[in-house]
């Protein structure tokens, strides 16, 4: 069974930075992409950023230029560096692993990020 454990969330003021981490454990068969989604109260879950096994990245327009996703394949860990945080970035952030070419997804339990003065 695959488990994803996120860390790094918290309460911060606007303009500061946070770094989220997500470590995968268990058996993951196949090539997989890793990503971060977020869900704010009353809104649908949305993609924040994703990265393929080869390192290709994709970002939501709202975070381009502020957030950077990276992964360490040896550690099976994905990171999200969030700079210049805004109140609208407040949400629960979820780590995702998607097995390429399948409909199989794994999710973390979520970590709260609150940006408020």
Protein backbone atom coordinates (compact mmCIF):
# COMPACT_ATOMS: atom_id res chain seq x y z
CA UNK A 1 0.00 0.00 0.00
CA UNK A 2 1.32 3.42 -0.95
CA UNK A 3 1.38 6.10 1.71
CA UNK A 4 2.09 9.78 1.20
CA UNK A 5 3.08 11.87 4.19
CA UNK A 6 3.09 15.64 3.86
CA UNK A 7 4.83 18.16 6.08
CA UNK A 8 5.68 21.85 6.17
CA UNK A 9 2.33 23.58 6.38
CA UNK A 10 1.52 26.31 8.87
CA UNK A 11 0.30 29.82 9.56
CA UNK A 12 2.35 32.56 7.95
CA UNK A 13 2.07 36.22 7.07
CA UNK A 14 1.66 37.44 3.51
CA UNK A 15 4.89 37.70 1.58
CA UNK A 16 6.82 35.00 3.37
CA UNK A 17 7.85 31.56 2.14
CA UNK A 18 7.01 27.97 3.04
CA UNK A 19 8.30 24.67 1.79
CA UNK A 20 6.07 21.62 1.67
CA UNK A 21 7.44 18.10 1.49
CA UNK A 22 5.78 14.81 0.67
CA UNK A 23 7.46 11.45 1.08
CA UNK A 24 6.07 8.31 -0.54
CA UNK A 25 6.41 4.87 1.03
CA UNK A 26 5.31 1.43 -0.07
CA UNK A 27 5.47 -0.14 -3.50
CA UNK A 28 4.84 2.11 -6.49
CA UNK A 29 4.84 0.18 -9.75
CA UNK A 30 5.46 2.05 -12.94
CA UNK A 31 6.45 5.52 -13.93
CA UNK A 32 4.70 8.17 -11.91
CA UNK A 33 4.17 11.87 -11.76
CA UNK A 34 4.00 13.71 -8.46
CA UNK A 35 2.07 16.83 -7.71
CA UNK A 36 0.39 19.18 -5.32
CA UNK A 37 -3.27 20.09 -5.24
CA UNK A 38 -5.09 22.43 -2.91
CA UNK A 39 -8.62 22.94 -1.70
CA UNK A 40 -9.85 26.13 -0.11
CA UNK A 41 -13.09 26.25 1.91
CA UNK A 42 -16.11 26.13 -0.37
CA UNK A 43 -14.02 25.52 -3.48
CA UNK A 44 -13.09 22.52 -5.58
CA UNK A 45 -9.72 20.89 -5.33
CA UNK A 46 -7.35 22.33 -7.92
CA UNK A 47 -3.97 21.46 -9.32
CA UNK A 48 -1.18 23.67 -8.03
CA UNK A 49 1.84 22.05 -9.68
CA UNK A 50 2.99 18.71 -11.02
CA UNK A 51 6.26 17.14 -12.10
CA UNK A 52 6.87 14.08 -14.24
CA UNK A 53 9.46 11.41 -13.59
CA UNK A 54 11.62 13.15 -16.20
CA UNK A 55 11.37 16.52 -14.48
CA UNK A 56 8.84 18.30 -16.69
CA UNK A 57 6.74 20.69 -14.65
CA UNK A 58 3.29 22.24 -14.89
CA UNK A 59 1.89 25.08 -12.79
CA UNK A 60 -1.43 26.74 -12.19
CA UNK A 61 -1.41 30.27 -13.58
CA UNK A 62 -2.07 31.67 -10.11
CA UNK A 63 1.25 30.36 -8.75
CA UNK A 64 3.57 30.71 -11.73
CA UNK A 65 6.68 32.63 -10.80
CA UNK A 66 6.06 32.17 -7.06
CA UNK A 67 5.98 28.40 -6.51
CA UNK A 68 8.53 25.82 -7.56
CA UNK A 69 7.97 22.07 -7.58
CA UNK A 70 10.84 19.60 -7.45
CA UNK A 71 11.35 15.93 -6.71
CA UNK A 72 14.04 13.62 -5.43
CA UNK A 73 13.47 10.27 -7.11
CA UNK A 74 15.91 8.44 -4.87
CA UNK A 75 14.00 9.60 -1.79
CA UNK A 76 10.62 9.39 -3.53
CA UNK A 77 9.90 12.85 -2.22
CA UNK A 78 8.30 15.85 -3.85
CA UNK A 79 8.71 19.43 -2.66
CA UNK A 80 6.78 22.63 -3.17
CA UNK A 81 8.68 25.83 -2.51
CA UNK A 82 6.12 28.60 -2.03
CA UNK A 83 7.38 32.18 -2.12
CA UNK A 84 5.55 35.50 -1.84
CA UNK A 85 2.56 33.82 -0.28
CA UNK A 86 -0.79 35.53 -0.54
CA UNK A 87 -3.98 35.17 1.51
CA UNK A 88 -5.61 33.51 -1.49
CA UNK A 89 -3.06 30.70 -1.21
CA UNK A 90 -4.78 29.64 2.02
CA UNK A 91 -5.97 26.05 1.58
CA UNK A 92 -5.36 22.45 2.49
CA UNK A 93 -2.55 21.21 0.27
CA UNK A 94 -2.61 17.58 -0.86
CA UNK A 95 0.23 15.55 -2.28
CA UNK A 96 -0.57 13.32 -5.26
CA UNK A 97 1.12 10.46 -7.05
CA UNK A 98 -0.28 9.54 -10.44
CA UNK A 99 0.82 6.36 -12.18
CA UNK A 100 1.47 7.36 -15.77
CA UNK A 101 -0.83 5.69 -18.31
CA UNK A 102 -3.34 4.54 -15.70
CA UNK A 103 -6.21 5.95 -13.68
CA UNK A 104 -4.41 5.16 -10.45
CA UNK A 105 -3.87 8.01 -8.02
CA UNK A 106 -2.63 8.13 -4.46
CA UNK A 107 -3.29 11.00 -2.07
CA UNK A 108 -1.78 12.33 1.11
CA UNK A 109 -3.85 13.37 4.10
CA UNK A 110 -3.35 17.07 3.45
CA UNK A 111 -1.52 19.86 5.23
CA UNK A 112 -3.03 23.23 6.10
CA UNK A 113 -1.46 26.40 4.79
CA UNK A 114 -2.90 29.63 6.15
CA UNK A 115 -1.67 33.01 4.96
CA UNK A 116 -2.93 35.82 7.12
CA UNK A 117 -1.73 38.99 8.76
